């Protein structure tokens, strides 16, 4: 069974990869994250994934950094949760398209490990895209492994970001931390 796993970052790959391999899946990672801003942040996350991929012996498909894909998709819909839904859809559609082109049986996402992402929305998006593309969406709630994986990432000195990725989530994080 082969599965293409959309990967948002190296720390979030650790637990789902372990779980999927334990279930017998042959996993390939896909790094398509046009939402990540600024470019320095994108490069930090990509480099961390490159380093972890070598350690974990996992193939990764990388796409060119195209923030315009994200900004065009969310144009005039910048408020969460609408923006997040659009962003998740954008990245999962790309994953499913690549999975179909490369004859993967399944696609999924490491976003399912994050307690900060809406599981129900991700699940619904994944299954809707599955119907459109004919590639099966693999759903598993990986959140139980989030903390453990991030502790492992820190022990391995893997870069751990402080926000979801987009400029709006960074502003929200900074605004929250600036409040007395």
Foldseek 3Di string as FASTA:
>chain_A
DEEEEEEAADLLCVQVVVVCVVVPYQYAYEDDQLQADDPVRVVLRVVLNVVVCVVVVHHYHYDDRDVVLLCVQCPVPPDPPSSVLSRLLSRLLVRLVVCLVVVNQEYEYSVLQDPVDDLVSNVVSQVVSCVVRVRHYDDDNNVVCNVVSVVVCVVVVRDDDDFSGHPVRVVVVVVVVPDD
